[in-house]
């Protein structure tokens, strides 16, 4: 009996020890705002994210960097749970502060910001280029998406986009897609589309605050568009219906400026 009690006591002690170690190593606190982005840098790739509330907006910037913002200044303290490829689980308390004390949070000693993407400086050059397209705009519910121009360098195509929110309600981005799609679809015929993956995207794609705008540079592998198809940009709003859909045809793609 005494031996059993000793074993039970040892097991309980070990469990308590493990629990306290886990809490001290993984419990974090961050502050977020509506107009500013807090970046949380982990030591390895993020594999899972769970939000305690939809009042916070999260987006992976790179494999190991998570961008976090508040959806509104009425945010009540909530939490994030993050699991990384190293098998670590992090519980992060999130509270609102219009002026966060720290906009870059490193959660591990080995956490580092990865080097800039090789196309990042090229996208910065594209940003300086003048618009070479006029009139390619989709507008709905005081939101507008405009294609400012096509550009090309080597094996890469770049499109410059401007998204503007003229409403008093912030626009939180849920999904951003690029396709080559059929111009028309015969009834009862499946939609034919090719999904294009951006090789790099320069710009804040988390949220478009009320009465503000953003300019994005999207890098893609070079392509052209068949005459019976179009290039499509689709943006879906999180918890909303202000979805944006903009088309560009091959005649516009062929105007791509070499720089």
C-alpha atoms as a PDB file:
ATOM      1  CA  UNK A   1       0.000   0.000   0.000  1.00  0.00           C
ATOM      2  CA  UNK A   2       2.799   2.407   0.938  1.00  0.00           C
ATOM      3  CA  UNK A   3       4.587   1.650  -2.348  1.00  0.00           C
ATOM      4  CA  UNK A   4       1.397   2.400  -4.290  1.00  0.00           C
ATOM      5  CA  UNK A   5       0.954   5.697  -2.453  1.00  0.00           C
ATOM      6  CA  UNK A   6       4.560   6.629  -3.210  1.00  0.00           C
ATOM      7  CA  UNK A   7       4.106   5.821  -6.923  1.00  0.00           C
ATOM      8  CA  UNK A   8       0.852   7.852  -7.085  1.00  0.00           C
ATOM      9  CA  UNK A   9       2.528  10.773  -5.360  1.00  0.00           C
ATOM     10  CA  UNK A  10       5.451  10.612  -7.778  1.00  0.00           C
ATOM     11  CA  UNK A  11       3.127  10.529 -10.822  1.00  0.00           C
ATOM     12  CA  UNK A  12       1.050  13.458  -9.544  1.00  0.00           C
ATOM     13  CA  UNK A  13       4.211  15.435  -8.846  1.00  0.00           C
ATOM     14  CA  UNK A  14       5.536  14.782 -12.349  1.00  0.00           C
ATOM     15  CA  UNK A  15       2.216  15.815 -13.927  1.00  0.00           C
ATOM     16  CA  UNK A  16       2.153  19.043 -11.942  1.00  0.00           C
ATOM     17  CA  UNK A  17       5.724  19.730 -12.968  1.00  0.00           C
ATOM     18  CA  UNK A  18       4.943  19.151 -16.660  1.00  0.00           C
ATOM     19  CA  UNK A  19       1.846  21.343 -16.422  1.00  0.00           C
ATOM     20  CA  UNK A  20       3.735  24.249 -14.889  1.00  0.00           C
ATOM     21  CA  UNK A  21       6.532  23.942 -17.453  1.00  0.00           C
ATOM     22  CA  UNK A  22       4.024  23.949 -20.334  1.00  0.00           C
ATOM     23  CA  UNK A  23       2.271  27.019 -18.975  1.00  0.00           C
ATOM     24  CA  UNK A  24       5.442  29.043 -18.400  1.00  0.00           C
ATOM     25  CA  UNK A  25       6.871  28.151 -21.832  1.00  0.00           C
ATOM     26  CA  UNK A  26       3.770  28.587 -23.995  1.00  0.00           C
ATOM     27  CA  UNK A  27       1.401  31.136 -22.428  1.00  0.00           C
ATOM     28  CA  UNK A  28       1.823  34.446 -24.240  1.00  0.00           C
ATOM     29  CA  UNK A  29       0.103  37.822 -24.243  1.00  0.00           C
ATOM     30  CA  UNK A  30      -0.174  40.174 -27.202  1.00  0.00           C
ATOM     31  CA  UNK A  31      -1.955  43.452 -27.892  1.00  0.00           C
ATOM     32  CA  UNK A  32      -3.769  44.176 -31.151  1.00  0.00           C
ATOM     33  CA  UNK A  33      -5.401  47.177 -32.800  1.00  0.00           C
ATOM     34  CA  UNK A  34      -7.696  47.899 -35.732  1.00  0.00           C
ATOM     35  CA  UNK A  35      -5.330  50.179 -37.631  1.00  0.00           C
ATOM     36  CA  UNK A  36      -2.078  48.358 -36.778  1.00  0.00           C
ATOM     37  CA  UNK A  37      -0.862  44.800 -37.362  1.00  0.00           C
ATOM     38  CA  UNK A  38       0.858  42.720 -34.679  1.00  0.00           C
ATOM     39  CA  UNK A  39       3.255  40.100 -36.089  1.00  0.00           C
ATOM     40  CA  UNK A  40       3.909  36.952 -34.042  1.00  0.00           C
ATOM     41  CA  UNK A  41       7.074  35.088 -35.071  1.00  0.00           C
ATOM     42  CA  UNK A  42       7.388  31.372 -34.225  1.00  0.00           C
ATOM     43  CA  UNK A  43      10.473  29.148 -34.267  1.00  0.00           C
ATOM     44  CA  UNK A  44       9.005  26.746 -36.827  1.00  0.00           C
ATOM     45  CA  UNK A  45       6.215  26.564 -39.414  1.00  0.00           C
ATOM     46  CA  UNK A  46       2.630  27.128 -38.271  1.00  0.00           C
ATOM     47  CA  UNK A  47       0.422  24.101 -38.945  1.00  0.00           C
ATOM     48  CA  UNK A  48      -2.770  24.988 -37.065  1.00  0.00           C
ATOM     49  CA  UNK A  49      -4.535  28.164 -35.859  1.00  0.00           C
ATOM     50  CA  UNK A  50      -7.680  28.369 -33.756  1.00  0.00           C
ATOM     51  CA  UNK A  51      -9.303  31.680 -32.803  1.00  0.00           C
ATOM     52  CA  UNK A  52     -11.220  32.055 -29.580  1.00  0.00           C
ATOM     53  CA  UNK A  53     -13.331  34.773 -31.219  1.00  0.00           C
ATOM     54  CA  UNK A  54     -14.111  36.068 -34.697  1.00  0.00           C
ATOM     55  CA  UNK A  55     -13.342  39.540 -33.299  1.00  0.00           C
ATOM     56  CA  UNK A  56      -9.698  38.969 -34.206  1.00  0.00           C
ATOM     57  CA  UNK A  57      -8.369  38.650 -37.756  1.00  0.00           C
ATOM     58  CA  UNK A  58      -5.411  36.355 -38.402  1.00  0.00           C
ATOM     59  CA  UNK A  59      -3.337  35.588 -41.476  1.00  0.00           C
ATOM     60  CA  UNK A  60      -0.121  33.675 -42.089  1.00  0.00           C
ATOM     61  CA  UNK A  61       2.414  36.041 -43.600  1.00  0.00           C
ATOM     62  CA  UNK A  62       5.090  33.391 -44.129  1.00  0.00           C
ATOM     63  CA  UNK A  63       5.415  29.832 -42.828  1.00  0.00           C
ATOM     64  CA  UNK A  64       6.273  30.974 -39.315  1.00  0.00           C
ATOM     65  CA  UNK A  65       4.819  34.492 -39.045  1.00  0.00           C
ATOM     66  CA  UNK A  66       1.223  35.170 -38.005  1.00  0.00           C
ATOM     67  CA  UNK A  67      -0.334  38.612 -38.538  1.00  0.00           C
ATOM     68  CA  UNK A  68      -3.051  39.557 -36.042  1.00  0.00           C
ATOM     69  CA  UNK A  69      -5.470  42.515 -35.988  1.00  0.00           C
ATOM     70  CA  UNK A  70      -8.658  43.441 -34.151  1.00  0.00           C
ATOM     71  CA  UNK A  71     -11.867  43.455 -36.184  1.00  0.00           C
ATOM     72  CA  UNK A  72     -13.231  46.283 -34.015  1.00  0.00           C
ATOM     73  CA  UNK A  73     -12.133  48.421 -31.074  1.00  0.00           C
ATOM     74  CA  UNK A  74     -14.792  46.711 -28.948  1.00  0.00           C
ATOM     75  CA  UNK A  75     -12.656  43.553 -28.793  1.00  0.00           C
ATOM     76  CA  UNK A  76     -12.973  41.727 -25.456  1.00  0.00           C
ATOM     77  CA  UNK A  77      -9.931  39.725 -24.324  1.00  0.00           C
ATOM     78  CA  UNK A  78      -9.837  36.411 -26.136  1.00  0.00           C
ATOM     79  CA  UNK A  79      -7.247  33.825 -27.148  1.00  0.00           C
ATOM     80  CA  UNK A  80      -5.458  32.142 -30.029  1.00  0.00           C
ATOM     81  CA  UNK A  81      -4.201  28.568 -30.082  1.00  0.00           C
ATOM     82  CA  UNK A  82      -1.305  27.860 -32.433  1.00  0.00           C
ATOM     83  CA  UNK A  83       0.400  24.545 -33.171  1.00  0.00           C
ATOM     84  CA  UNK A  84       3.757  24.501 -34.964  1.00  0.00           C
ATOM     85  CA  UNK A  85       5.592  21.883 -37.002  1.00  0.00           C
ATOM     86  CA  UNK A  86       7.953  21.376 -34.054  1.00  0.00           C
ATOM     87  CA  UNK A  87       5.024  19.910 -32.106  1.00  0.00           C
ATOM     88  CA  UNK A  88       4.659  22.906 -29.786  1.00  0.00           C
ATOM     89  CA  UNK A  89       1.276  24.259 -28.749  1.00  0.00           C
ATOM     90  CA  UNK A  90       0.933  27.932 -27.838  1.00  0.00           C
ATOM     91  CA  UNK A  91      -1.961  29.564 -26.025  1.00  0.00           C
ATOM     92  CA  UNK A  92      -1.936  33.310 -26.710  1.00  0.00           C
ATOM     93  CA  UNK A  93      -4.078  35.802 -24.809  1.00  0.00           C
ATOM     94  CA  UNK A  94      -5.168  38.639 -27.081  1.00  0.00           C
ATOM     95  CA  UNK A  95      -6.335  42.005 -25.785  1.00  0.00           C
ATOM     96  CA  UNK A  96      -7.145  45.319 -27.478  1.00  0.00           C
ATOM     97  CA  UNK A  97      -4.884  48.340 -27.340  1.00  0.00           C
ATOM     98  CA  UNK A  98      -5.185  51.138 -29.906  1.00  0.00           C
ATOM     99  CA  UNK A  99      -1.416  51.612 -29.617  1.00  0.00           C
ATOM    100  CA  UNK A 100       0.195  48.196 -28.970  1.00  0.00           C
ATOM    101  CA  UNK A 101       3.432  48.327 -27.016  1.00  0.00           C
ATOM    102  CA  UNK A 102       5.030  45.677 -29.249  1.00  0.00           C
ATOM    103  CA  UNK A 103       4.143  45.066 -32.905  1.00  0.00           C
ATOM    104  CA  UNK A 104       6.694  42.245 -33.340  1.00  0.00           C
ATOM    105  CA  UNK A 105       6.503  39.351 -30.877  1.00  0.00           C
ATOM    106  CA  UNK A 106       9.099  36.546 -30.945  1.00  0.00           C
ATOM    107  CA  UNK A 107       7.764  33.500 -29.125  1.00  0.00           C
ATOM    108  CA  UNK A 108      10.909  31.332 -29.215  1.00  0.00           C
ATOM    109  CA  UNK A 109      14.599  32.061 -28.709  1.00  0.00           C
ATOM    110  CA  UNK A 110      15.211  30.464 -32.116  1.00  0.00           C
ATOM    111  CA  UNK A 111      12.434  32.451 -33.818  1.00  0.00           C
ATOM    112  CA  UNK A 112      13.693  34.536 -36.718  1.00  0.00           C
ATOM    113  CA  UNK A 113      12.151  36.546 -39.521  1.00  0.00           C
ATOM    114  CA  UNK A 114      12.891  34.763 -42.805  1.00  0.00           C
ATOM    115  CA  UNK A 115      14.855  36.584 -45.470  1.00  0.00           C
ATOM    116  CA  UNK A 116      12.911  38.694 -47.928  1.00  0.00           C
ATOM    117  CA  UNK A 117      11.346  36.805 -50.814  1.00  0.00           C
ATOM    118  CA  UNK A 118      13.511  37.044 -53.924  1.00  0.00           C
ATOM    119  CA  UNK A 119      10.657  38.827 -55.747  1.00  0.00           C
ATOM    120  CA  UNK A 120      10.026  41.378 -52.970  1.00  0.00           C
ATOM    121  CA  UNK A 121      12.434  44.020 -54.363  1.00  0.00           C
ATOM    122  CA  UNK A 122      11.052  43.423 -57.872  1.00  0.00           C
ATOM    123  CA  UNK A 123       7.512  44.031 -56.571  1.00  0.00           C
ATOM    124  CA  UNK A 124       8.767  47.256 -55.013  1.00  0.00           C
ATOM    125  CA  UNK A 125       9.981  48.292 -58.476  1.00  0.00           C
ATOM    126  CA  UNK A 126       6.555  47.464 -59.946  1.00  0.00           C
ATOM    127  CA  UNK A 127       4.946  49.652 -57.290  1.00  0.00           C
ATOM    128  CA  UNK A 128       6.876  52.625 -58.713  1.00  0.00           C
ATOM    129  CA  UNK A 129       5.689  51.966 -62.271  1.00  0.00           C
ATOM    130  CA  UNK A 130       2.918  54.108 -63.750  1.00  0.00           C
ATOM    131  CA  UNK A 131      -0.479  52.539 -64.393  1.00  0.00           C
ATOM    132  CA  UNK A 132      -0.832  51.290 -67.966  1.00  0.00           C
ATOM    133  CA  UNK A 133      -4.495  50.273 -67.937  1.00  0.00           C
ATOM    134  CA  UNK A 134      -7.644  52.388 -67.636  1.00  0.00           C
ATOM    135  CA  UNK A 135     -11.201  51.406 -66.787  1.00  0.00           C
ATOM    136  CA  UNK A 136     -10.686  47.886 -65.471  1.00  0.00           C
ATOM    137  CA  UNK A 137     -12.709  48.257 -62.267  1.00  0.00           C
ATOM    138  CA  UNK A 138     -15.291  46.195 -60.401  1.00  0.00           C
ATOM    139  CA  UNK A 139     -17.506  48.115 -57.959  1.00  0.00           C
ATOM    140  CA  UNK A 140     -20.098  46.834 -55.476  1.00  0.00           C
ATOM    141  CA  UNK A 141     -21.426  47.997 -52.095  1.00  0.00           C
ATOM    142  CA  UNK A 142     -18.974  50.918 -51.866  1.00  0.00           C
ATOM    143  CA  UNK A 143     -16.032  48.566 -52.524  1.00  0.00           C
ATOM    144  CA  UNK A 144     -13.951  48.798 -55.677  1.00  0.00           C
ATOM    145  CA  UNK A 145     -11.217  46.603 -57.156  1.00  0.00           C
ATOM    146  CA  UNK A 146      -9.120  48.131 -59.930  1.00  0.00           C
ATOM    147  CA  UNK A 147      -6.421  46.580 -62.119  1.00  0.00           C
ATOM    148  CA  UNK A 148      -3.852  49.333 -62.627  1.00  0.00           C
ATOM    149  CA  UNK A 149      -1.499  47.478 -64.918  1.00  0.00           C
ATOM    150  CA  UNK A 150       0.336  44.403 -66.152  1.00  0.00           C
ATOM    151  CA  UNK A 151       4.133  44.185 -66.031  1.00  0.00           C
ATOM    152  CA  UNK A 152       6.678  41.541 -67.013  1.00  0.00           C
ATOM    153  CA  UNK A 153      10.271  40.722 -66.159  1.00  0.00           C
ATOM    154  CA  UNK A 154      11.811  37.481 -67.344  1.00  0.00           C
ATOM    155  CA  UNK A 155       9.629  34.514 -66.410  1.00  0.00           C
ATOM    156  CA  UNK A 156       7.428  36.549 -64.048  1.00  0.00           C
ATOM    157  CA  UNK A 157       4.224  38.513 -64.631  1.00  0.00           C
ATOM    158  CA  UNK A 158       3.051  41.166 -62.188  1.00  0.00           C
ATOM    159  CA  UNK A 159      -0.320  42.829 -61.792  1.00  0.00           C
ATOM    160  CA  UNK A 160      -0.851  45.973 -59.770  1.00  0.00           C
ATOM    161  CA  UNK A 161      -4.185  46.074 -57.953  1.00  0.00           C
ATOM    162  CA  UNK A 162      -5.906  48.786 -55.965  1.00  0.00           C
ATOM    163  CA  UNK A 163      -8.717  47.892 -53.570  1.00  0.00           C
ATOM    164  CA  UNK A 164     -10.710  50.724 -52.019  1.00  0.00           C
ATOM    165  CA  UNK A 165     -13.296  50.746 -49.236  1.00  0.00           C
ATOM    166  CA  UNK A 166     -15.530  53.820 -49.409  1.00  0.00           C
ATOM    167  CA  UNK A 167     -17.922  52.531 -46.763  1.00  0.00           C
ATOM    168  CA  UNK A 168     -17.959  53.031 -42.994  1.00  0.00           C
ATOM    169  CA  UNK A 169     -17.583  49.248 -42.454  1.00  0.00           C
ATOM    170  CA  UNK A 170     -14.181  47.573 -42.533  1.00  0.00           C
ATOM    171  CA  UNK A 171     -13.624  44.896 -45.172  1.00  0.00           C
ATOM    172  CA  UNK A 172     -11.966  41.724 -43.814  1.00  0.00           C
ATOM    173  CA  UNK A 173     -10.509  39.480 -46.505  1.00  0.00           C
ATOM    174  CA  UNK A 174     -11.261  35.782 -46.226  1.00  0.00           C
ATOM    175  CA  UNK A 175     -10.011  34.412 -49.568  1.00  0.00           C
ATOM    176  CA  UNK A 176      -8.098  35.726 -52.564  1.00  0.00           C
ATOM    177  CA  UNK A 177      -8.072  33.673 -55.776  1.00  0.00           C
ATOM    178  CA  UNK A 178      -6.673  33.947 -59.311  1.00  0.00           C
ATOM    179  CA  UNK A 179      -8.093  31.944 -62.226  1.00  0.00           C
ATOM    180  CA  UNK A 180      -8.192  31.554 -65.986  1.00  0.00           C
ATOM    181  CA  UNK A 181     -11.858  30.877 -66.748  1.00  0.00           C
ATOM    182  CA  UNK A 182     -14.171  30.356 -69.726  1.00  0.00           C
ATOM    183  CA  UNK A 183     -15.888  33.498 -70.993  1.00  0.00           C
ATOM    184  CA  UNK A 184     -19.201  31.659 -71.196  1.00  0.00           C
ATOM    185  CA  UNK A 185     -20.424  28.310 -69.967  1.00  0.00           C
ATOM    186  CA  UNK A 186     -23.054  26.282 -71.777  1.00  0.00           C
ATOM    187  CA  UNK A 187     -25.913  25.256 -69.497  1.00  0.00           C
ATOM    188  CA  UNK A 188     -25.254  21.946 -67.719  1.00  0.00           C
ATOM    189  CA  UNK A 189     -21.572  22.130 -68.662  1.00  0.00           C
ATOM    190  CA  UNK A 190     -18.990  22.188 -65.902  1.00  0.00           C
ATOM    191  CA  UNK A 191     -17.055  25.429 -65.477  1.00  0.00           C
ATOM    192  CA  UNK A 192     -13.608  25.114 -67.016  1.00  0.00           C
ATOM    193  CA  UNK A 193     -10.985  26.938 -64.987  1.00  0.00           C
ATOM    194  CA  UNK A 194      -7.281  26.921 -64.223  1.00  0.00           C
ATOM    195  CA  UNK A 195      -6.216  28.046 -60.762  1.00  0.00           C
ATOM    196  CA  UNK A 196      -3.145  30.286 -60.765  1.00  0.00           C
ATOM    197  CA  UNK A 197      -0.927  30.433 -57.686  1.00  0.00           C
ATOM    198  CA  UNK A 198       0.777  33.706 -56.915  1.00  0.00           C
ATOM    199  CA  UNK A 199       4.523  33.306 -56.405  1.00  0.00           C
ATOM    200  CA  UNK A 200       4.582  36.401 -54.191  1.00  0.00           C
ATOM    201  CA  UNK A 201       2.122  39.045 -53.010  1.00  0.00           C
ATOM    202  CA  UNK A 202       3.295  42.419 -51.723  1.00  0.00           C
ATOM    203  CA  UNK A 203       0.815  44.364 -49.571  1.00  0.00           C
ATOM    204  CA  UNK A 204      -1.517  44.018 -46.586  1.00  0.00           C
ATOM    205  CA  UNK A 205      -4.203  41.444 -47.446  1.00  0.00           C
ATOM    206  CA  UNK A 206      -5.798  41.145 -44.000  1.00  0.00           C
ATOM    207  CA  UNK A 207      -8.291  43.996 -43.947  1.00  0.00           C
ATOM    208  CA  UNK A 208      -9.233  47.216 -45.717  1.00  0.00           C
ATOM    209  CA  UNK A 209     -10.263  49.690 -43.035  1.00  0.00           C
ATOM    210  CA  UNK A 210     -13.280  51.947 -43.547  1.00  0.00           C
ATOM    211  CA  UNK A 211     -12.592  54.886 -45.881  1.00  0.00           C
ATOM    212  CA  UNK A 212      -9.169  53.584 -46.915  1.00  0.00           C
ATOM    213  CA  UNK A 213      -7.411  51.800 -49.778  1.00  0.00           C
ATOM    214  CA  UNK A 214      -4.528  49.409 -50.430  1.00  0.00           C
ATOM    215  CA  UNK A 215      -2.295  48.717 -53.422  1.00  0.00           C
ATOM    216  CA  UNK A 216      -1.095  45.158 -53.981  1.00  0.00           C
ATOM    217  CA  UNK A 217       1.509  43.728 -56.321  1.00  0.00           C
ATOM    218  CA  UNK A 218       0.793  40.126 -57.325  1.00  0.00           C
ATOM    219  CA  UNK A 219       3.577  38.048 -58.889  1.00  0.00           C
ATOM    220  CA  UNK A 220       2.645  35.114 -61.115  1.00  0.00           C
ATOM    221  CA  UNK A 221       4.462  32.762 -63.474  1.00  0.00           C
ATOM    222  CA  UNK A 222       4.230  34.265 -66.961  1.00  0.00           C
ATOM    223  CA  UNK A 223       1.139  33.307 -68.970  1.00  0.00           C
ATOM    224  CA  UNK A 224      -1.217  34.406 -71.721  1.00  0.00           C
ATOM    225  CA  UNK A 225      -4.986  33.935 -71.949  1.00  0.00           C
ATOM    226  CA  UNK A 226      -6.800  32.011 -74.741  1.00  0.00           C
ATOM    227  CA  UNK A 227      -9.328  34.082 -76.729  1.00  0.00           C
ATOM    228  CA  UNK A 228     -12.321  32.234 -75.255  1.00  0.00           C
ATOM    229  CA  UNK A 229     -11.172  32.724 -71.666  1.00  0.00           C
ATOM    230  CA  UNK A 230     -10.338  35.514 -69.202  1.00  0.00           C
ATOM    231  CA  UNK A 231      -8.060  36.070 -66.227  1.00  0.00           C
ATOM    232  CA  UNK A 232     -10.134  36.489 -63.042  1.00  0.00           C
ATOM    233  CA  UNK A 233      -9.391  37.950 -59.625  1.00  0.00           C
ATOM    234  CA  UNK A 234     -11.828  36.928 -56.895  1.00  0.00           C
ATOM    235  CA  UNK A 235     -11.883  38.331 -53.353  1.00  0.00           C
ATOM    236  CA  UNK A 236     -14.287  36.973 -50.735  1.00  0.00           C
ATOM    237  CA  UNK A 237     -15.239  38.945 -47.633  1.00  0.00           C
ATOM    238  CA  UNK A 238     -15.067  37.230 -44.247  1.00  0.00           C
ATOM    239  CA  UNK A 239     -18.548  36.978 -42.683  1.00  0.00           C
ATOM    240  CA  UNK A 240     -19.964  39.199 -45.424  1.00  0.00           C
ATOM    241  CA  UNK A 241     -21.337  39.356 -48.938  1.00  0.00           C
ATOM    242  CA  UNK A 242     -19.257  42.090 -50.584  1.00  0.00           C
ATOM    243  CA  UNK A 243     -17.443  39.708 -52.890  1.00  0.00           C
ATOM    244  CA  UNK A 244     -15.333  41.220 -55.672  1.00  0.00           C
ATOM    245  CA  UNK A 245     -14.715  39.738 -59.122  1.00  0.00           C
ATOM    246  CA  UNK A 246     -12.594  41.422 -61.787  1.00  0.00           C
ATOM    247  CA  UNK A 247     -11.853  40.191 -65.313  1.00  0.00           C
ATOM    248  CA  UNK A 248      -8.880  40.881 -67.572  1.00  0.00           C
ATOM    249  CA  UNK A 249      -8.671  39.601 -71.147  1.00  0.00           C
ATOM    250  CA  UNK A 250      -5.644  38.639 -73.208  1.00  0.00           C
ATOM    251  CA  UNK A 251      -5.583  41.979 -75.037  1.00  0.00           C
ATOM    252  CA  UNK A 252      -4.859  43.662 -71.686  1.00  0.00           C
ATOM    253  CA  UNK A 253      -2.340  41.032 -70.593  1.00  0.00           C
ATOM    254  CA  UNK A 254      -0.455  41.559 -73.868  1.00  0.00           C
ATOM    255  CA  UNK A 255       0.012  45.226 -72.904  1.00  0.00           C
ATOM    256  CA  UNK A 256       2.294  44.135 -70.062  1.00  0.00           C
ATOM    257  CA  UNK A 257       5.149  46.618 -69.692  1.00  0.00           C
ATOM    258  CA  UNK A 258       8.678  45.247 -69.597  1.00  0.00           C
ATOM    259  CA  UNK A 259      10.805  46.953 -66.954  1.00  0.00           C
END
